[in-house]
N, C-alpha and C. Protein backbone atom coordinates (compact mmCIF):
# COMPACT_ATOMS: atom_id res chain seq x y z
N MET A 1 0.85 -1.17 0.00
CA MET A 1 0.00 0.00 0.00
C MET A 1 0.89 1.23 0.00
N SER A 2 0.52 2.19 -0.81
CA SER A 2 1.34 3.40 -0.89
C SER A 2 1.17 4.25 0.37
N LEU A 3 2.15 5.05 0.61
CA LEU A 3 2.13 5.93 1.78
C LEU A 3 0.97 6.92 1.68
N THR A 4 0.69 7.41 0.49
CA THR A 4 -0.41 8.35 0.31
C THR A 4 -1.75 7.70 0.62
N LYS A 5 -1.94 6.48 0.14
CA LYS A 5 -3.19 5.77 0.39
C LYS A 5 -3.37 5.50 1.88
N ARG A 6 -2.31 5.08 2.53
CA ARG A 6 -2.36 4.83 3.97
C ARG A 6 -2.70 6.11 4.73
N TYR A 7 -2.12 7.22 4.32
CA TYR A 7 -2.40 8.51 4.95
C TYR A 7 -3.87 8.89 4.77
N MET A 8 -4.38 8.68 3.57
CA MET A 8 -5.78 9.03 3.28
C MET A 8 -6.73 8.15 4.10
N GLU A 9 -6.43 6.87 4.22
CA GLU A 9 -7.27 5.97 5.01
C GLU A 9 -7.24 6.35 6.48
N GLN A 10 -6.06 6.71 6.99
CA GLN A 10 -5.95 7.13 8.39
C GLN A 10 -6.73 8.42 8.62
N ALA A 11 -6.65 9.34 7.67
CA ALA A 11 -7.39 10.60 7.80
C ALA A 11 -8.90 10.33 7.82
N GLU A 12 -9.36 9.40 7.00
CA GLU A 12 -10.78 9.05 6.98
C GLU A 12 -11.19 8.38 8.30
N ASP A 13 -10.35 7.49 8.80
CA ASP A 13 -10.62 6.84 10.09
C ASP A 13 -10.71 7.87 11.21
N ASP A 14 -9.77 8.82 11.21
CA ASP A 14 -9.76 9.88 12.22
C ASP A 14 -11.03 10.72 12.14
N GLU A 15 -11.44 11.05 10.92
CA GLU A 15 -12.65 11.85 10.73
C GLU A 15 -13.89 11.10 11.22
N ASN A 16 -14.00 9.82 10.88
CA ASN A 16 -15.13 9.02 11.34
C ASN A 16 -15.16 8.93 12.86
N ARG A 17 -13.99 8.72 13.47
CA ARG A 17 -13.90 8.65 14.93
C ARG A 17 -14.33 9.97 15.55
N ASN A 18 -13.81 11.07 15.03
CA ASN A 18 -14.15 12.38 15.59
C ASN A 18 -15.63 12.70 15.42
N ASN A 19 -16.21 12.34 14.26
CA ASN A 19 -17.65 12.56 14.06
C ASN A 19 -18.47 11.77 15.07
N ALA A 20 -18.05 10.53 15.34
CA ALA A 20 -18.76 9.70 16.32
C ALA A 20 -18.63 10.29 17.72
N ILE A 21 -17.43 10.74 18.06
CA ILE A 21 -17.22 11.36 19.38
C ILE A 21 -18.08 12.62 19.51
N GLU A 22 -18.10 13.44 18.47
CA GLU A 22 -18.90 14.66 18.51
C GLU A 22 -20.39 14.33 18.68
N ALA A 23 -20.85 13.24 18.05
CA ALA A 23 -22.24 12.82 18.22
C ALA A 23 -22.50 12.42 19.67
N LEU A 24 -21.56 11.69 20.28
CA LEU A 24 -21.71 11.31 21.69
C LEU A 24 -21.79 12.56 22.57
N ILE A 25 -20.96 13.55 22.27
CA ILE A 25 -20.96 14.78 23.06
C ILE A 25 -22.27 15.53 22.86
N GLU A 26 -22.72 15.69 21.60
CA GLU A 26 -23.97 16.39 21.30
C GLU A 26 -25.16 15.75 22.01
N CYS A 27 -25.14 14.44 22.11
CA CYS A 27 -26.26 13.70 22.69
C CYS A 27 -26.11 13.50 24.20
N ASP A 28 -25.13 14.19 24.78
CA ASP A 28 -24.89 14.11 26.22
C ASP A 28 -24.72 12.68 26.71
N MET A 29 -23.97 11.89 25.97
CA MET A 29 -23.76 10.49 26.32
C MET A 29 -22.43 10.26 27.03
N LEU A 30 -21.71 11.33 27.29
CA LEU A 30 -20.44 11.24 28.00
C LEU A 30 -20.44 12.22 29.16
N GLU A 31 -19.74 11.85 30.22
CA GLU A 31 -19.61 12.77 31.35
C GLU A 31 -18.28 12.53 32.04
N GLY A 32 -17.91 13.44 32.89
CA GLY A 32 -16.70 13.31 33.69
C GLY A 32 -15.44 13.15 32.87
N ALA A 33 -14.60 12.22 33.31
CA ALA A 33 -13.31 12.00 32.65
C ALA A 33 -13.49 11.58 31.20
N ALA A 34 -14.50 10.77 30.91
CA ALA A 34 -14.74 10.32 29.54
C ALA A 34 -15.01 11.49 28.61
N LEU A 35 -15.75 12.48 29.09
CA LEU A 35 -16.03 13.67 28.30
C LEU A 35 -14.75 14.45 28.04
N GLY A 36 -13.93 14.61 29.06
CA GLY A 36 -12.66 15.31 28.89
C GLY A 36 -11.73 14.60 27.92
N ILE A 37 -11.66 13.30 28.03
CA ILE A 37 -10.82 12.51 27.12
C ILE A 37 -11.34 12.65 25.69
N ALA A 38 -12.65 12.55 25.52
CA ALA A 38 -13.24 12.66 24.18
C ALA A 38 -12.93 14.02 23.56
N LYS A 39 -13.07 15.07 24.33
CA LYS A 39 -12.78 16.42 23.81
C LYS A 39 -11.31 16.55 23.44
N LYS A 40 -10.44 15.95 24.23
CA LYS A 40 -9.00 15.99 23.95
C LYS A 40 -8.70 15.27 22.62
N VAL A 41 -9.30 14.11 22.42
CA VAL A 41 -9.07 13.35 21.18
C VAL A 41 -9.50 14.16 19.97
N VAL A 42 -10.68 14.77 20.05
CA VAL A 42 -11.18 15.57 18.93
C VAL A 42 -10.27 16.78 18.70
N ALA A 43 -9.90 17.47 19.77
CA ALA A 43 -9.05 18.67 19.64
C ALA A 43 -7.70 18.34 19.02
N GLU A 44 -7.13 17.21 19.41
CA GLU A 44 -5.80 16.82 18.90
C GLU A 44 -5.89 15.96 17.65
N ASN A 45 -7.11 15.53 17.29
CA ASN A 45 -7.34 14.68 16.13
C ASN A 45 -6.46 13.43 16.18
N SER A 46 -6.28 12.91 17.39
CA SER A 46 -5.39 11.77 17.56
C SER A 46 -5.58 11.15 18.94
N LEU A 47 -5.24 9.89 19.03
CA LEU A 47 -5.20 9.20 20.32
C LEU A 47 -3.80 9.22 20.91
N ASP A 48 -2.83 9.69 20.14
CA ASP A 48 -1.43 9.64 20.55
C ASP A 48 -1.12 10.43 21.81
N GLY A 49 -1.85 11.50 22.07
CA GLY A 49 -1.57 12.35 23.23
C GLY A 49 -2.15 11.83 24.53
N LEU A 50 -2.83 10.69 24.47
CA LEU A 50 -3.45 10.15 25.68
C LEU A 50 -2.45 9.33 26.50
N SER A 51 -2.55 9.46 27.80
CA SER A 51 -1.74 8.61 28.69
C SER A 51 -2.33 7.20 28.64
N ASP A 52 -1.63 6.24 29.22
CA ASP A 52 -2.15 4.87 29.26
C ASP A 52 -3.50 4.81 29.98
N LYS A 53 -3.62 5.55 31.08
CA LYS A 53 -4.87 5.57 31.83
C LYS A 53 -5.99 6.19 31.00
N GLN A 54 -5.67 7.26 30.27
CA GLN A 54 -6.67 7.89 29.41
C GLN A 54 -7.07 6.98 28.25
N LYS A 55 -6.09 6.26 27.69
CA LYS A 55 -6.40 5.32 26.61
C LYS A 55 -7.35 4.23 27.09
N TYR A 56 -7.13 3.74 28.30
CA TYR A 56 -8.01 2.75 28.88
C TYR A 56 -9.42 3.34 29.04
N GLY A 57 -9.49 4.54 29.56
CA GLY A 57 -10.78 5.22 29.73
C GLY A 57 -11.47 5.46 28.40
N TYR A 58 -10.69 5.84 27.41
CA TYR A 58 -11.24 6.05 26.06
C TYR A 58 -11.84 4.76 25.52
N GLU A 59 -11.10 3.68 25.60
CA GLU A 59 -11.58 2.39 25.07
C GLU A 59 -12.83 1.93 25.83
N LYS A 60 -12.82 2.07 27.15
CA LYS A 60 -13.91 1.56 27.98
C LYS A 60 -15.17 2.44 27.90
N GLU A 61 -15.00 3.74 27.93
CA GLU A 61 -16.14 4.65 28.06
C GLU A 61 -16.58 5.32 26.76
N VAL A 62 -15.67 5.46 25.81
CA VAL A 62 -15.99 6.18 24.58
C VAL A 62 -16.10 5.21 23.40
N ALA A 63 -15.00 4.58 23.05
CA ALA A 63 -14.96 3.73 21.85
C ALA A 63 -15.93 2.56 21.95
N SER A 64 -16.19 2.09 23.15
CA SER A 64 -17.14 0.97 23.30
C SER A 64 -18.54 1.35 22.81
N GLN A 65 -18.85 2.63 22.82
CA GLN A 65 -20.17 3.09 22.36
C GLN A 65 -20.27 3.13 20.83
N PHE A 66 -19.15 2.89 20.15
CA PHE A 66 -19.16 2.85 18.69
C PHE A 66 -19.64 1.50 18.17
N GLU A 67 -19.77 0.53 19.04
CA GLU A 67 -20.20 -0.81 18.66
C GLU A 67 -21.72 -0.87 18.73
N ILE A 68 -22.34 -0.60 17.59
CA ILE A 68 -23.79 -0.52 17.51
C ILE A 68 -24.28 -1.58 16.54
N ALA A 69 -25.21 -2.40 17.01
CA ALA A 69 -25.75 -3.47 16.17
C ALA A 69 -26.95 -2.96 15.38
N CYS A 70 -27.11 -3.49 14.19
CA CYS A 70 -28.28 -3.21 13.36
C CYS A 70 -29.51 -3.71 14.10
N GLU A 71 -30.58 -2.95 14.05
CA GLU A 71 -31.79 -3.31 14.77
C GLU A 71 -32.77 -4.13 13.93
N ALA A 72 -32.39 -4.43 12.69
CA ALA A 72 -33.28 -5.24 11.85
C ALA A 72 -33.32 -6.66 12.39
N GLU A 73 -34.49 -7.23 12.37
CA GLU A 73 -34.67 -8.60 12.85
C GLU A 73 -33.82 -9.56 12.03
N ASP A 74 -33.12 -10.46 12.69
CA ASP A 74 -32.30 -11.49 12.04
C ASP A 74 -31.12 -10.94 11.24
N CYS A 75 -30.66 -9.73 11.52
CA CYS A 75 -29.53 -9.18 10.76
C CYS A 75 -28.21 -9.53 11.44
N GLY A 76 -27.95 -8.95 12.59
CA GLY A 76 -26.73 -9.23 13.31
C GLY A 76 -25.51 -8.44 12.87
N ASN A 77 -25.63 -7.62 11.83
CA ASN A 77 -24.49 -6.80 11.39
C ASN A 77 -24.26 -5.65 12.36
N MET A 78 -23.02 -5.21 12.40
CA MET A 78 -22.67 -4.03 13.18
C MET A 78 -22.69 -2.83 12.24
N ILE A 79 -22.98 -1.67 12.79
CA ILE A 79 -22.98 -0.44 12.01
C ILE A 79 -21.53 -0.08 11.70
N SER A 80 -21.26 0.21 10.44
CA SER A 80 -19.89 0.55 10.03
C SER A 80 -19.48 1.89 10.63
N MET A 81 -18.19 2.05 10.86
CA MET A 81 -17.69 3.24 11.55
C MET A 81 -18.06 4.53 10.83
N ASP A 82 -18.17 4.49 9.52
CA ASP A 82 -18.53 5.72 8.81
C ASP A 82 -20.00 6.09 9.00
N GLU A 83 -20.79 5.19 9.60
CA GLU A 83 -22.20 5.44 9.86
C GLU A 83 -22.51 5.60 11.35
N VAL A 84 -21.51 5.43 12.20
CA VAL A 84 -21.74 5.42 13.65
C VAL A 84 -22.27 6.76 14.16
N ALA A 85 -21.75 7.87 13.69
CA ALA A 85 -22.22 9.17 14.18
C ALA A 85 -23.71 9.33 13.93
N ASP A 86 -24.17 8.99 12.73
CA ASP A 86 -25.60 9.07 12.42
C ASP A 86 -26.39 8.09 13.27
N ALA A 87 -25.86 6.90 13.49
CA ALA A 87 -26.54 5.90 14.30
C ALA A 87 -26.71 6.38 15.74
N ILE A 88 -25.69 7.01 16.29
CA ILE A 88 -25.76 7.55 17.65
C ILE A 88 -26.86 8.60 17.73
N ARG A 89 -26.89 9.49 16.75
CA ARG A 89 -27.92 10.54 16.73
C ARG A 89 -29.31 9.93 16.56
N ASN A 90 -29.44 8.93 15.70
CA ASN A 90 -30.73 8.28 15.49
C ASN A 90 -31.21 7.59 16.77
N GLN A 91 -30.31 6.86 17.42
CA GLN A 91 -30.68 6.21 18.68
C GLN A 91 -31.14 7.24 19.70
N HIS A 92 -30.40 8.33 19.78
CA HIS A 92 -30.72 9.37 20.77
C HIS A 92 -32.10 9.98 20.50
N SER A 93 -32.47 10.11 19.24
CA SER A 93 -33.77 10.70 18.91
C SER A 93 -34.89 9.66 18.87
N GLY A 94 -34.56 8.40 19.17
CA GLY A 94 -35.57 7.36 19.23
C GLY A 94 -35.85 6.66 17.91
N ASP A 95 -35.04 6.95 16.89
CA ASP A 95 -35.21 6.31 15.59
C ASP A 95 -34.51 4.96 15.57
N ASP A 96 -34.93 4.11 14.66
CA ASP A 96 -34.29 2.81 14.47
C ASP A 96 -32.93 3.01 13.82
N VAL A 97 -32.06 2.03 14.05
CA VAL A 97 -30.72 2.06 13.48
C VAL A 97 -30.52 0.80 12.65
N PHE A 98 -30.23 0.99 11.36
CA PHE A 98 -30.03 -0.14 10.46
C PHE A 98 -28.68 -0.03 9.77
N CYS A 99 -28.09 -1.19 9.50
CA CYS A 99 -26.84 -1.23 8.74
C CYS A 99 -27.13 -0.83 7.29
N VAL A 100 -26.09 -0.62 6.53
CA VAL A 100 -26.24 -0.18 5.15
C VAL A 100 -27.05 -1.20 4.33
N ASP A 101 -26.79 -2.49 4.54
CA ASP A 101 -27.52 -3.52 3.79
C ASP A 101 -29.02 -3.45 4.08
N CYS A 102 -29.37 -3.34 5.35
CA CYS A 102 -30.79 -3.29 5.71
C CYS A 102 -31.44 -1.98 5.27
N GLN A 103 -30.70 -0.88 5.33
CA GLN A 103 -31.23 0.38 4.83
C GLN A 103 -31.60 0.23 3.36
N TYR A 104 -30.74 -0.40 2.61
CA TYR A 104 -30.96 -0.61 1.18
C TYR A 104 -32.20 -1.48 0.96
N GLN A 105 -32.33 -2.55 1.73
CA GLN A 105 -33.47 -3.45 1.58
C GLN A 105 -34.77 -2.74 1.93
N TYR A 106 -34.80 -2.00 3.03
CA TYR A 106 -36.02 -1.30 3.43
C TYR A 106 -36.37 -0.20 2.45
N ARG A 107 -35.36 0.47 1.93
CA ARG A 107 -35.62 1.55 0.98
C ARG A 107 -36.24 0.98 -0.29
N ASP A 108 -35.73 -0.17 -0.75
CA ASP A 108 -36.27 -0.80 -1.95
C ASP A 108 -37.71 -1.24 -1.76
N ARG A 109 -38.04 -1.71 -0.54
CA ARG A 109 -39.39 -2.19 -0.26
C ARG A 109 -40.33 -1.06 0.13
N GLY A 110 -39.75 0.09 0.46
CA GLY A 110 -40.58 1.21 0.89
C GLY A 110 -41.03 1.10 2.32
N ASP A 111 -40.30 0.34 3.15
CA ASP A 111 -40.70 0.13 4.54
C ASP A 111 -40.14 1.17 5.50
N ASP A 112 -39.36 2.12 5.03
CA ASP A 112 -38.74 3.04 5.98
C ASP A 112 -39.77 3.97 6.51
């Protein structure tokens, strides 16, 4: 893989992570140390500035909330990271959360 491609993928990963963190903050889903750590990650656009204790807190309290399952019956897929920010906002507003495959199926059937 070329260095440019790797850089672009990392930049996209960072953007998706930051968008998800911002959604958690907007929806008041973080508090205390987790909120401070989340704000630090977004401000620095990196996890590199975190201490070991902060990294543990980030993984336990922040990143764990990025693991969102599709709510479609019998699906079992996880929401992809590029869709997590929208999924967090949808959950917070009481809307259903579907993976890309299920969104496509429901849209085709007109069930949304």
